[in-house]
Amino acid sequence: MSSRVTMGLAVLFLLGALFAGYWGLVLSRTPAPAPVAPVTQTATPAAAPVIAEQPMEDPTRQPVLILAKDLPAHQPVKADDLIVERLKVAPAGSFSKPEDAVGRTSWRPLAAGTWLTDSSFEAGGTLARMIHPGERALALSIDEIIGAGGQLTPGDYVDVLLYLPPDQNNTDRSAQTVVPALRVLSVGALLGPVNQGQDSLGISREDREQQQKLRTNARSVVVAVPEKLLSRLMLATQAGPLRLAVRSAEEKNLERYWAGDSDIALQLDTANRNVTHFSQLSLGGGRSSQMSTGAPRMARTIEVIRGNQVTQQTP
């Protein structure tokens, strides 16, 4: 084969290679994406906001300021310590707005749930806030017999009876009503209400039920005594055995006291407080009749007891 034919074939192959390379380059290119028309979104109307319906306030209920947490003594009241509850009956003297209590300091611990009044911030212990001016709180020692069989309850009214046994100065036995109508403030650890009827301690129902169970075994009772009768009662506690006689609740003495009448004992106290001598029981009141009629004084007799028989003999 001649050199010219060889050169022609070489040129032909070169051209074919260039064409094949160009065609492969064209096929390898990715076509440009067709332009996409913008999609217009239709704006949907926004849903109307749901308005929470405010509960209608009951006009028959009244706002009462209550402690939301325990408040230690001598700590100022803060706004977050308080809540306002609406009650059908507002306790007497209760606050209705936080402004009435914020910044004030209590002299004693106050439990959560206590409704606040001016007395919540007054100085003095529980007993001092349970009596009126002119009264004194006095403790008496009792047992099941002296304390009316363990059935005394704070708020009861009792008469204090005294038995006088014979001694060297007085050979006659007697009994009398020392002080009438004294209000019971506490029985053991069970305290009564303050003057407005509020539970002064703010204790839970379980604790109060436990105190009620221990009431029967109480060994002391505290009574409110008018100042004028205080010395008489103190002397009576040292003169002889005492008894507490419960007065009827139908006399409404406690209601009268809360209404401001604190002189019930003085009103019922008389010069002759039903003094009864033993000789009056055995002889039909011989001694008292002699004193009242002015009859001449008879000779002193000696009392002789034989079993269940009692006789009087003149020496």
C-alpha atoms as a PDB file:
ATOM      1  CA  MET A   1       0.000   0.000   0.000  1.00  0.00           C
ATOM      2  CA  SER A   2       1.338   3.390  -0.995  1.00  0.00           C
ATOM      3  CA  SER A   3       2.039   6.187   1.400  1.00  0.00           C
ATOM      4  CA  ARG A   4      -0.727   8.345  -0.045  1.00  0.00           C
ATOM      5  CA  VAL A   5      -3.408   5.818   0.740  1.00  0.00           C
ATOM      6  CA  THR A   6      -2.020   5.457   4.221  1.00  0.00           C
ATOM      7  CA  MET A   7      -2.112   9.177   4.816  1.00  0.00           C
ATOM      8  CA  GLY A   8      -5.715   9.377   3.564  1.00  0.00           C
ATOM      9  CA  LEU A   9      -6.874   6.642   5.919  1.00  0.00           C
ATOM     10  CA  ALA A  10      -5.122   8.343   8.813  1.00  0.00           C
ATOM     11  CA  VAL A  11      -6.884  11.624   8.084  1.00  0.00           C
ATOM     12  CA  LEU A  12     -10.192   9.830   7.757  1.00  0.00           C
ATOM     13  CA  PHE A  13      -9.786   8.070  11.107  1.00  0.00           C
ATOM     14  CA  LEU A  14      -8.728  11.342  12.746  1.00  0.00           C
ATOM     15  CA  LEU A  15     -11.831  13.090  11.502  1.00  0.00           C
ATOM     16  CA  GLY A  16     -14.002  10.220  12.692  1.00  0.00           C
ATOM     17  CA  ALA A  17     -12.418  10.345  16.139  1.00  0.00           C
ATOM     18  CA  LEU A  18     -12.988  14.099  16.380  1.00  0.00           C
ATOM     19  CA  PHE A  19     -16.630  13.709  15.367  1.00  0.00           C
ATOM     20  CA  ALA A  20     -17.197  10.875  17.815  1.00  0.00           C
ATOM     21  CA  GLY A  21     -15.612  12.915  20.623  1.00  0.00           C
ATOM     22  CA  TYR A  22     -17.722  15.958  19.822  1.00  0.00           C
ATOM     23  CA  TRP A  23     -20.933  13.926  19.673  1.00  0.00           C
ATOM     24  CA  GLY A  24     -20.164  12.253  22.978  1.00  0.00           C
ATOM     25  CA  LEU A  25     -19.555  15.654  24.563  1.00  0.00           C
ATOM     26  CA  VAL A  26     -22.931  16.915  23.317  1.00  0.00           C
ATOM     27  CA  LEU A  27     -24.781  13.864  24.612  1.00  0.00           C
ATOM     28  CA  SER A  28     -23.131  14.071  28.029  1.00  0.00           C
ATOM     29  CA  ARG A  29     -24.536  17.541  28.755  1.00  0.00           C
ATOM     30  CA  THR A  30     -27.830  17.530  30.813  1.00  0.00           C
ATOM     31  CA  PRO A  31     -30.518  19.667  29.330  1.00  0.00           C
ATOM     32  CA  ALA A  32     -31.412  22.803  31.303  1.00  0.00           C
ATOM     33  CA  PRO A  33     -34.660  22.403  33.239  1.00  0.00           C
ATOM     34  CA  ALA A  34     -37.628  24.082  31.764  1.00  0.00           C
ATOM     35  CA  PRO A  35     -38.678  27.210  33.657  1.00  0.00           C
ATOM     36  CA  VAL A  36     -41.436  26.466  36.150  1.00  0.00           C
ATOM     37  CA  ALA A  37     -44.203  28.941  36.452  1.00  0.00           C
ATOM     38  CA  PRO A  38     -44.464  30.280  40.022  1.00  0.00           C
ATOM     39  CA  VAL A  39     -47.352  28.804  41.928  1.00  0.00           C
ATOM     40  CA  THR A  40     -49.451  31.462  43.549  1.00  0.00           C
ATOM     41  CA  GLN A  41     -50.790  30.322  46.946  1.00  0.00           C
ATOM     42  CA  THR A  42     -54.223  31.413  47.862  1.00  0.00           C
ATOM     43  CA  ALA A  43     -54.100  32.936  51.360  1.00  0.00           C
ATOM     44  CA  THR A  44     -56.583  31.176  53.618  1.00  0.00           C
ATOM     45  CA  PRO A  45     -58.278  33.404  56.131  1.00  0.00           C
ATOM     46  CA  ALA A  46     -56.843  32.977  59.672  1.00  0.00           C
ATOM     47  CA  ALA A  47     -59.133  31.447  62.215  1.00  0.00           C
ATOM     48  CA  ALA A  48     -60.577  33.904  64.679  1.00  0.00           C
ATOM     49  CA  PRO A  49     -58.929  33.645  68.137  1.00  0.00           C
ATOM     50  CA  VAL A  50     -60.993  31.807  70.696  1.00  0.00           C
ATOM     51  CA  ILE A  51     -61.921  34.172  73.528  1.00  0.00           C
ATOM     52  CA  ALA A  52     -62.210  32.422  76.884  1.00  0.00           C
ATOM     53  CA  GLU A  53     -65.434  33.311  78.552  1.00  0.00           C
ATOM     54  CA  GLN A  54     -64.903  34.854  81.947  1.00  0.00           C
ATOM     55  CA  PRO A  55     -67.070  33.198  84.589  1.00  0.00           C
ATOM     56  CA  MET A  56     -69.693  35.511  85.884  1.00  0.00           C
ATOM     57  CA  GLU A  57     -69.138  36.420  89.519  1.00  0.00           C
ATOM     58  CA  ASP A  58     -71.869  35.394  91.880  1.00  0.00           C
ATOM     59  CA  PRO A  59     -73.169  38.625  93.447  1.00  0.00           C
ATOM     60  CA  THR A  60     -74.201  36.673  96.547  1.00  0.00           C
ATOM     61  CA  ARG A  61     -70.591  35.773  97.366  1.00  0.00           C
ATOM     62  CA  GLN A  62     -68.205  38.141  99.125  1.00  0.00           C
ATOM     63  CA  PRO A  63     -64.397  38.349  98.797  1.00  0.00           C
ATOM     64  CA  VAL A  64     -62.437  37.080 101.800  1.00  0.00           C
ATOM     65  CA  LEU A  65     -58.654  37.382 102.156  1.00  0.00           C
ATOM     66  CA  ILE A  66     -57.044  34.037 103.060  1.00  0.00           C
ATOM     67  CA  LEU A  67     -53.450  32.926 103.603  1.00  0.00           C
ATOM     68  CA  ALA A  68     -52.192  30.730 100.768  1.00  0.00           C
ATOM     69  CA  LYS A  69     -49.211  29.408 102.776  1.00  0.00           C
ATOM     70  CA  ASP A  70     -48.011  29.161 106.357  1.00  0.00           C
ATOM     71  CA  LEU A  71     -46.796  32.488 107.720  1.00  0.00           C
ATOM     72  CA  PRO A  72     -44.114  32.425 110.458  1.00  0.00           C
ATOM     73  CA  ALA A  73     -44.297  34.851 113.348  1.00  0.00           C
ATOM     74  CA  HIS A  74     -42.753  38.325 112.977  1.00  0.00           C
ATOM     75  CA  GLN A  75     -42.641  38.066 109.163  1.00  0.00           C
ATOM     76  CA  PRO A  76     -44.321  40.746 107.031  1.00  0.00           C
ATOM     77  CA  VAL A  77     -47.107  39.580 104.779  1.00  0.00           C
ATOM     78  CA  LYS A  78     -46.318  39.618 101.027  1.00  0.00           C
ATOM     79  CA  ALA A  79     -48.747  39.687  98.143  1.00  0.00           C
ATOM     80  CA  ASP A  80     -47.912  36.123  97.040  1.00  0.00           C
ATOM     81  CA  ASP A  81     -48.811  34.862 100.547  1.00  0.00           C
ATOM     82  CA  LEU A  82     -52.463  35.760  99.966  1.00  0.00           C
ATOM     83  CA  ILE A  83     -55.418  34.637  97.893  1.00  0.00           C
ATOM     84  CA  VAL A  84     -58.933  36.024  97.683  1.00  0.00           C
ATOM     85  CA  GLU A  85     -61.766  33.528  97.972  1.00  0.00           C
ATOM     86  CA  ARG A  86     -65.408  34.351  97.377  1.00  0.00           C
ATOM     87  CA  LEU A  87     -67.587  32.942 100.145  1.00  0.00           C
ATOM     88  CA  LYS A  88     -71.306  33.025 100.636  1.00  0.00           C
ATOM     89  CA  VAL A  89     -70.839  34.275 104.192  1.00  0.00           C
ATOM     90  CA  ALA A  90     -67.837  36.462 105.014  1.00  0.00           C
ATOM     91  CA  PRO A  91     -66.487  35.918 108.562  1.00  0.00           C
ATOM     92  CA  ALA A  92     -66.952  38.866 110.880  1.00  0.00           C
ATOM     93  CA  GLY A  93     -64.118  41.378 110.568  1.00  0.00           C
ATOM     94  CA  SER A  94     -62.425  39.583 107.655  1.00  0.00           C
ATOM     95  CA  PHE A  95     -60.386  41.462 105.045  1.00  0.00           C
ATOM     96  CA  SER A  96     -61.511  41.618 101.429  1.00  0.00           C
ATOM     97  CA  LYS A  97     -58.455  43.121  99.653  1.00  0.00           C
ATOM     98  CA  PRO A  98     -54.726  42.202  99.748  1.00  0.00           C
ATOM     99  CA  GLU A  99     -53.944  45.860 100.498  1.00  0.00           C
ATOM    100  CA  ASP A 100     -55.520  45.386 103.932  1.00  0.00           C
ATOM    101  CA  ALA A 101     -52.810  42.909 105.006  1.00  0.00           C
ATOM    102  CA  VAL A 102     -49.696  43.374 102.827  1.00  0.00           C
ATOM    103  CA  GLY A 103     -46.792  44.654 104.908  1.00  0.00           C
ATOM    104  CA  ARG A 104     -48.366  43.869 108.288  1.00  0.00           C
ATOM    105  CA  THR A 105     -46.614  41.547 110.762  1.00  0.00           C
ATOM    106  CA  SER A 106     -48.190  38.861 112.903  1.00  0.00           C
ATOM    107  CA  TRP A 107     -46.949  38.197 116.432  1.00  0.00           C
ATOM    108  CA  ARG A 108     -47.680  34.476 116.130  1.00  0.00           C
ATOM    109  CA  PRO A 109     -47.523  31.823 113.388  1.00  0.00           C
ATOM    110  CA  LEU A 110     -50.544  31.707 111.091  1.00  0.00           C
ATOM    111  CA  ALA A 111     -51.498  28.536 109.253  1.00  0.00           C
ATOM    112  CA  ALA A 112     -52.387  28.349 105.568  1.00  0.00           C
ATOM    113  CA  GLY A 113     -56.124  28.726 105.032  1.00  0.00           C
ATOM    114  CA  THR A 114     -56.541  31.209 107.885  1.00  0.00           C
ATOM    115  CA  TRP A 115     -58.800  34.132 107.046  1.00  0.00           C
ATOM    116  CA  LEU A 116     -57.276  37.394 108.208  1.00  0.00           C
ATOM    117  CA  THR A 117     -58.701  40.042 110.521  1.00  0.00           C
ATOM    118  CA  ASP A 118     -57.245  42.807 112.658  1.00  0.00           C
ATOM    119  CA  SER A 119     -56.910  40.309 115.513  1.00  0.00           C
ATOM    120  CA  SER A 120     -54.506  38.266 113.369  1.00  0.00           C
ATOM    121  CA  PHE A 121     -51.936  41.024 113.833  1.00  0.00           C
ATOM    122  CA  GLU A 122     -52.644  41.900 117.465  1.00  0.00           C
ATOM    123  CA  ALA A 123     -50.118  41.098 120.185  1.00  0.00           C
ATOM    124  CA  GLY A 124     -50.924  38.631 122.942  1.00  0.00           C
ATOM    125  CA  GLY A 125     -51.460  34.915 123.332  1.00  0.00           C
ATOM    126  CA  THR A 126     -54.557  32.900 122.589  1.00  0.00           C
ATOM    127  CA  LEU A 127     -56.096  33.226 126.061  1.00  0.00           C
ATOM    128  CA  ALA A 128     -55.443  36.975 126.148  1.00  0.00           C
ATOM    129  CA  ARG A 129     -57.482  37.329 122.951  1.00  0.00           C
ATOM    130  CA  MET A 130     -60.352  35.203 124.290  1.00  0.00           C
ATOM    131  CA  ILE A 131     -61.355  37.536 127.137  1.00  0.00           C
ATOM    132  CA  HIS A 132     -62.628  41.094 127.449  1.00  0.00           C
ATOM    133  CA  PRO A 133     -61.024  43.877 129.498  1.00  0.00           C
ATOM    134  CA  GLY A 134     -61.873  43.410 133.179  1.00  0.00           C
ATOM    135  CA  GLU A 135     -61.644  39.615 132.966  1.00  0.00           C
ATOM    136  CA  ARG A 136     -58.869  37.238 133.963  1.00  0.00           C
ATOM    137  CA  ALA A 137     -58.105  33.721 132.705  1.00  0.00           C
ATOM    138  CA  LEU A 138     -57.561  31.362 135.660  1.00  0.00           C
ATOM    139  CA  ALA A 139     -56.672  27.652 135.531  1.00  0.00           C
ATOM    140  CA  LEU A 140     -58.371  25.166 137.853  1.00  0.00           C
ATOM    141  CA  SER A 141     -57.262  21.624 138.557  1.00  0.00           C
ATOM    142  CA  ILE A 142     -59.947  19.055 137.715  1.00  0.00           C
ATOM    143  CA  ASP A 143     -60.525  15.358 137.383  1.00  0.00           C
ATOM    144  CA  GLU A 144     -63.389  13.374 135.903  1.00  0.00           C
ATOM    145  CA  ILE A 145     -65.628  14.138 138.908  1.00  0.00           C
ATOM    146  CA  ILE A 146     -64.837  17.822 139.356  1.00  0.00           C
ATOM    147  CA  GLY A 147     -65.063  18.426 135.596  1.00  0.00           C
ATOM    148  CA  ALA A 148     -68.658  17.199 135.168  1.00  0.00           C
ATOM    149  CA  GLY A 149     -67.713  13.663 134.214  1.00  0.00           C
ATOM    150  CA  GLY A 150     -65.218  14.777 131.557  1.00  0.00           C
ATOM    151  CA  GLN A 151     -67.990  16.370 129.465  1.00  0.00           C
ATOM    152  CA  LEU A 152     -66.907  20.011 129.727  1.00  0.00           C
ATOM    153  CA  THR A 153     -66.515  21.866 126.437  1.00  0.00           C
ATOM    154  CA  PRO A 154     -64.977  25.301 125.745  1.00  0.00           C
ATOM    155  CA  GLY A 155     -67.827  27.797 125.627  1.00  0.00           C
ATOM    156  CA  ASP A 156     -69.799  26.148 128.453  1.00  0.00           C
ATOM    157  CA  TYR A 157     -70.799  28.178 131.497  1.00  0.00           C
ATOM    158  CA  VAL A 158     -70.233  26.642 134.933  1.00  0.00           C
ATOM    159  CA  ASP A 159     -70.957  27.450 138.574  1.00  0.00           C
ATOM    160  CA  VAL A 160     -68.064  26.839 140.968  1.00  0.00           C
ATOM    161  CA  LEU A 161     -69.248  25.029 144.098  1.00  0.00           C
ATOM    162  CA  LEU A 162     -67.179  24.772 147.290  1.00  0.00           C
ATOM    163  CA  TYR A 163     -67.408  22.266 150.130  1.00  0.00           C
ATOM    164  CA  LEU A 164     -66.008  23.482 153.465  1.00  0.00           C
ATOM    165  CA  PRO A 165     -65.050  20.659 155.828  1.00  0.00           C
ATOM    166  CA  PRO A 166     -65.040  21.295 159.602  1.00  0.00           C
ATOM    167  CA  ASP A 167     -61.875  22.618 161.206  1.00  0.00           C
ATOM    168  CA  GLN A 168     -60.767  24.192 164.477  1.00  0.00           C
ATOM    169  CA  ASN A 169     -62.337  27.552 163.662  1.00  0.00           C
ATOM    170  CA  ASN A 170     -65.531  26.217 162.132  1.00  0.00           C
ATOM    171  CA  THR A 171     -66.976  22.953 163.362  1.00  0.00           C
ATOM    172  CA  ASP A 172     -69.857  23.059 160.939  1.00  0.00           C
ATOM    173  CA  ARG A 173     -69.701  21.663 157.418  1.00  0.00           C
ATOM    174  CA  SER A 174     -71.127  23.779 154.613  1.00  0.00           C
ATOM    175  CA  ALA A 175     -71.370  24.106 150.852  1.00  0.00           C
ATOM    176  CA  GLN A 176     -71.892  27.168 148.724  1.00  0.00           C
ATOM    177  CA  THR A 177     -71.785  28.560 145.223  1.00  0.00           C
ATOM    178  CA  VAL A 178     -68.542  30.535 145.224  1.00  0.00           C
ATOM    179  CA  VAL A 179     -68.802  32.120 141.770  1.00  0.00           C
ATOM    180  CA  PRO A 180     -71.690  31.624 139.316  1.00  0.00           C
ATOM    181  CA  ALA A 181     -71.619  31.508 135.525  1.00  0.00           C
ATOM    182  CA  LEU A 182     -67.949  31.394 134.565  1.00  0.00           C
ATOM    183  CA  ARG A 183     -67.135  30.854 130.883  1.00  0.00           C
ATOM    184  CA  VAL A 184     -64.896  27.871 130.067  1.00  0.00           C
ATOM    185  CA  LEU A 185     -62.018  28.965 127.828  1.00  0.00           C
ATOM    186  CA  SER A 186     -60.186  25.660 127.465  1.00  0.00           C
ATOM    187  CA  VAL A 187     -60.339  22.061 128.602  1.00  0.00           C
ATOM    188  CA  GLY A 188     -56.875  20.550 128.651  1.00  0.00           C
ATOM    189  CA  ALA A 189     -55.290  21.338 125.279  1.00  0.00           C
ATOM    190  CA  LEU A 190     -58.670  21.983 123.624  1.00  0.00           C
ATOM    191  CA  LEU A 191     -59.111  25.742 123.182  1.00  0.00           C
ATOM    192  CA  GLY A 192     -62.372  27.470 122.467  1.00  0.00           C
ATOM    193  CA  PRO A 193     -63.126  30.204 119.934  1.00  0.00           C
ATOM    194  CA  VAL A 194     -62.122  33.819 120.308  1.00  0.00           C
ATOM    195  CA  ASN A 195     -64.685  36.557 120.907  1.00  0.00           C
ATOM    196  CA  GLN A 196     -65.903  36.660 117.285  1.00  0.00           C
ATOM    197  CA  GLY A 197     -66.283  32.878 117.130  1.00  0.00           C
ATOM    198  CA  GLN A 198     -63.166  32.368 114.999  1.00  0.00           C
ATOM    199  CA  ASP A 199     -60.971  29.327 115.552  1.00  0.00           C
ATOM    200  CA  SER A 200     -57.949  31.057 117.056  1.00  0.00           C
ATOM    201  CA  LEU A 201     -55.435  28.324 116.294  1.00  0.00           C
ATOM    202  CA  GLY A 202     -56.373  27.522 112.716  1.00  0.00           C
ATOM    203  CA  ILE A 203     -55.582  23.856 113.315  1.00  0.00           C
ATOM    204  CA  SER A 204     -56.658  21.065 111.022  1.00  0.00           C
ATOM    205  CA  ARG A 205     -59.774  19.006 111.550  1.00  0.00           C
ATOM    206  CA  GLU A 206     -57.701  15.907 112.378  1.00  0.00           C
ATOM    207  CA  ASP A 207     -55.778  17.712 115.143  1.00  0.00           C
ATOM    208  CA  ARG A 208     -58.974  19.103 116.624  1.00  0.00           C
ATOM    209  CA  GLU A 209     -60.615  15.670 116.607  1.00  0.00           C
ATOM    210  CA  GLN A 210     -57.586  14.312 118.445  1.00  0.00           C
ATOM    211  CA  GLN A 211     -57.916  17.048 121.070  1.00  0.00           C
ATOM    212  CA  GLN A 212     -61.598  16.216 121.447  1.00  0.00           C
ATOM    213  CA  LYS A 213     -60.666  12.608 122.262  1.00  0.00           C
ATOM    214  CA  LEU A 214     -58.219  13.772 124.958  1.00  0.00           C
ATOM    215  CA  ARG A 215     -60.812  16.087 126.533  1.00  0.00           C
ATOM    216  CA  THR A 216     -62.168  13.367 128.821  1.00  0.00           C
ATOM    217  CA  ASN A 217     -58.761  12.873 130.454  1.00  0.00           C
ATOM    218  CA  ALA A 218     -58.022  16.593 130.879  1.00  0.00           C
ATOM    219  CA  ARG A 219     -56.464  17.599 134.186  1.00  0.00           C
ATOM    220  CA  SER A 220     -57.033  21.360 133.979  1.00  0.00           C
ATOM    221  CA  VAL A 221     -59.659  23.823 132.840  1.00  0.00           C
ATOM    222  CA  VAL A 222     -59.270  27.562 132.241  1.00  0.00           C
ATOM    223  CA  VAL A 223     -62.197  29.861 133.059  1.00  0.00           C
ATOM    224  CA  ALA A 224     -62.783  33.568 132.470  1.00  0.00           C
ATOM    225  CA  VAL A 225     -63.246  35.263 135.859  1.00  0.00           C
ATOM    226  CA  PRO A 226     -64.372  38.869 136.449  1.00  0.00           C
ATOM    227  CA  GLU A 227     -61.612  40.780 138.184  1.00  0.00           C
ATOM    228  CA  LYS A 228     -63.823  41.537 141.211  1.00  0.00           C
ATOM    229  CA  LEU A 229     -64.417  37.821 141.842  1.00  0.00           C
ATOM    230  CA  LEU A 230     -60.872  36.645 141.183  1.00  0.00           C
ATOM    231  CA  SER A 231     -59.619  36.757 144.809  1.00  0.00           C
ATOM    232  CA  ARG A 232     -62.713  34.942 146.079  1.00  0.00           C
ATOM    233  CA  LEU A 233     -62.203  32.103 143.608  1.00  0.00           C
ATOM    234  CA  MET A 234     -58.503  31.880 144.443  1.00  0.00           C
ATOM    235  CA  LEU A 235     -59.272  31.522 148.166  1.00  0.00           C
ATOM    236  CA  ALA A 236     -61.918  28.917 147.403  1.00  0.00           C
ATOM    237  CA  THR A 237     -59.397  26.737 145.594  1.00  0.00           C
ATOM    238  CA  GLN A 238     -57.411  26.506 148.839  1.00  0.00           C
ATOM    239  CA  ALA A 239     -60.350  26.211 151.255  1.00  0.00           C
ATOM    240  CA  GLY A 240     -61.798  22.882 150.195  1.00  0.00           C
ATOM    241  CA  PRO A 241     -62.877  20.611 147.328  1.00  0.00           C
ATOM    242  CA  LEU A 242     -64.481  22.264 144.295  1.00  0.00           C
ATOM    243  CA  ARG A 243     -67.102  21.092 141.837  1.00  0.00           C
ATOM    244  CA  LEU A 244     -68.025  22.581 138.471  1.00  0.00           C
ATOM    245  CA  ALA A 245     -71.753  22.568 137.726  1.00  0.00           C
ATOM    246  CA  VAL A 246     -72.621  23.117 134.051  1.00  0.00           C
ATOM    247  CA  ARG A 247     -75.338  25.669 133.295  1.00  0.00           C
ATOM    248  CA  SER A 248     -77.918  25.148 130.555  1.00  0.00           C
ATOM    249  CA  ALA A 249     -77.069  26.266 127.035  1.00  0.00           C
ATOM    250  CA  GLU A 250     -80.625  27.600 126.721  1.00  0.00           C
ATOM    251  CA  GLU A 251     -79.640  30.531 128.938  1.00  0.00           C
ATOM    252  CA  LYS A 252     -77.748  31.895 125.889  1.00  0.00           C
ATOM    253  CA  ASN A 253     -74.905  33.149 128.070  1.00  0.00           C
ATOM    254  CA  LEU A 254     -72.278  32.664 125.359  1.00  0.00           C
ATOM    255  CA  GLU A 255     -74.341  34.619 122.832  1.00  0.00           C
ATOM    256  CA  ARG A 256     -74.769  37.419 125.370  1.00  0.00           C
ATOM    257  CA  TYR A 257     -71.021  37.464 125.949  1.00  0.00           C
ATOM    258  CA  TRP A 258     -70.214  37.811 122.248  1.00  0.00           C
ATOM    259  CA  ALA A 259     -72.801  40.580 122.074  1.00  0.00           C
ATOM    260  CA  GLY A 260     -70.754  42.537 124.637  1.00  0.00           C
ATOM    261  CA  ASP A 261     -72.304  41.484 127.955  1.00  0.00           C
ATOM    262  CA  SER A 262     -69.259  40.308 129.934  1.00  0.00           C
ATOM    263  CA  ASP A 263     -70.753  40.898 133.433  1.00  0.00           C
ATOM    264  CA  ILE A 264     -72.932  37.793 133.545  1.00  0.00           C
ATOM    265  CA  ALA A 265     -71.187  36.370 136.627  1.00  0.00           C
ATOM    266  CA  LEU A 266     -71.467  39.708 138.472  1.00  0.00           C
ATOM    267  CA  GLN A 267     -75.144  39.989 137.602  1.00  0.00           C
ATOM    268  CA  LEU A 268     -75.902  36.530 138.992  1.00  0.00           C
ATOM    269  CA  ASP A 269     -73.695  36.929 142.067  1.00  0.00           C
ATOM    270  CA  THR A 270     -75.607  37.731 145.257  1.00  0.00           C
ATOM    271  CA  ALA A 271     -74.688  38.281 148.889  1.00  0.00           C
ATOM    272  CA  ASN A 272     -76.365  35.018 149.867  1.00  0.00           C
ATOM    273  CA  ARG A 273     -74.864  32.487 147.472  1.00  0.00           C
ATOM    274  CA  ASN A 274     -76.970  29.527 148.619  1.00  0.00           C
ATOM    275  CA  VAL A 275     -74.795  28.728 151.637  1.00  0.00           C
ATOM    276  CA  THR A 276     -75.994  25.431 153.071  1.00  0.00           C
ATOM    277  CA  HIS A 277     -74.786  24.002 156.398  1.00  0.00           C
ATOM    278  CA  PHE A 278     -74.794  20.336 157.182  1.00  0.00           C
ATOM    279  CA  SER A 279     -76.962  20.919 160.253  1.00  0.00           C
ATOM    280  CA  GLN A 280     -79.687  22.311 158.011  1.00  0.00           C
ATOM    281  CA  LEU A 281     -79.822  19.004 156.168  1.00  0.00           C
ATOM    282  CA  SER A 282     -79.993  16.862 159.292  1.00  0.00           C
ATOM    283  CA  LEU A 283     -82.158  19.032 161.572  1.00  0.00           C
ATOM    284  CA  GLY A 284     -84.318  20.976 159.120  1.00  0.00           C
ATOM    285  CA  GLY A 285     -82.422  24.262 159.202  1.00  0.00           C
ATOM    286  CA  GLY A 286     -82.255  24.858 162.936  1.00  0.00           C
ATOM    287  CA  ARG A 287     -79.163  27.037 162.794  1.00  0.00           C
ATOM    288  CA  SER A 288     -80.311  29.334 160.023  1.00  0.00           C
ATOM    289  CA  SER A 289     -83.747  29.838 161.630  1.00  0.00           C
ATOM    290  CA  GLN A 290     -82.137  30.824 164.916  1.00  0.00           C
ATOM    291  CA  MET A 291     -79.967  33.413 163.212  1.00  0.00           C
ATOM    292  CA  SER A 292     -82.830  34.890 161.192  1.00  0.00           C
ATOM    293  CA  THR A 293     -85.411  35.084 164.035  1.00  0.00           C
ATOM    294  CA  GLY A 294     -83.024  36.353 166.680  1.00  0.00           C
ATOM    295  CA  ALA A 295     -83.902  33.495 169.105  1.00  0.00           C
ATOM    296  CA  PRO A 296     -81.527  32.892 171.996  1.00  0.00           C
ATOM    297  CA  ARG A 297     -78.528  30.822 171.092  1.00  0.00           C
ATOM    298  CA  MET A 298     -78.823  27.230 172.250  1.00  0.00           C
ATOM    299  CA  ALA A 299     -76.046  25.184 173.712  1.00  0.00           C
ATOM    300  CA  ARG A 300     -73.612  23.626 171.281  1.00  0.00           C
ATOM    301  CA  THR A 301     -74.418  20.047 170.411  1.00  0.00           C
ATOM    302  CA  ILE A 302     -72.137  17.182 169.442  1.00  0.00           C
ATOM    303  CA  GLU A 303     -72.821  15.286 166.259  1.00  0.00           C
ATOM    304  CA  VAL A 304     -72.755  11.507 166.733  1.00  0.00           C
ATOM    305  CA  ILE A 305     -72.653   9.282 163.671  1.00  0.00           C
ATOM    306  CA  ARG A 306     -73.624   5.611 163.983  1.00  0.00           C
ATOM    307  CA  GLY A 307     -73.543   3.923 160.590  1.00  0.00           C
ATOM    308  CA  ASN A 308     -76.016   5.833 158.435  1.00  0.00           C
ATOM    309  CA  GLN A 309     -77.680   7.526 161.412  1.00  0.00           C
ATOM    310  CA  VAL A 310     -76.692  11.007 162.569  1.00  0.00           C
ATOM    311  CA  THR A 311     -77.822  12.366 165.966  1.00  0.00           C
ATOM    312  CA  GLN A 312     -77.099  15.539 167.935  1.00  0.00           C
ATOM    313  CA  GLN A 313     -76.301  15.291 171.630  1.00  0.00           C
ATOM    314  CA  THR A 314     -75.766  18.071 174.152  1.00  0.00           C
ATOM    315  CA  PRO A 315     -72.740  17.549 176.348  1.00  0.00           C
END
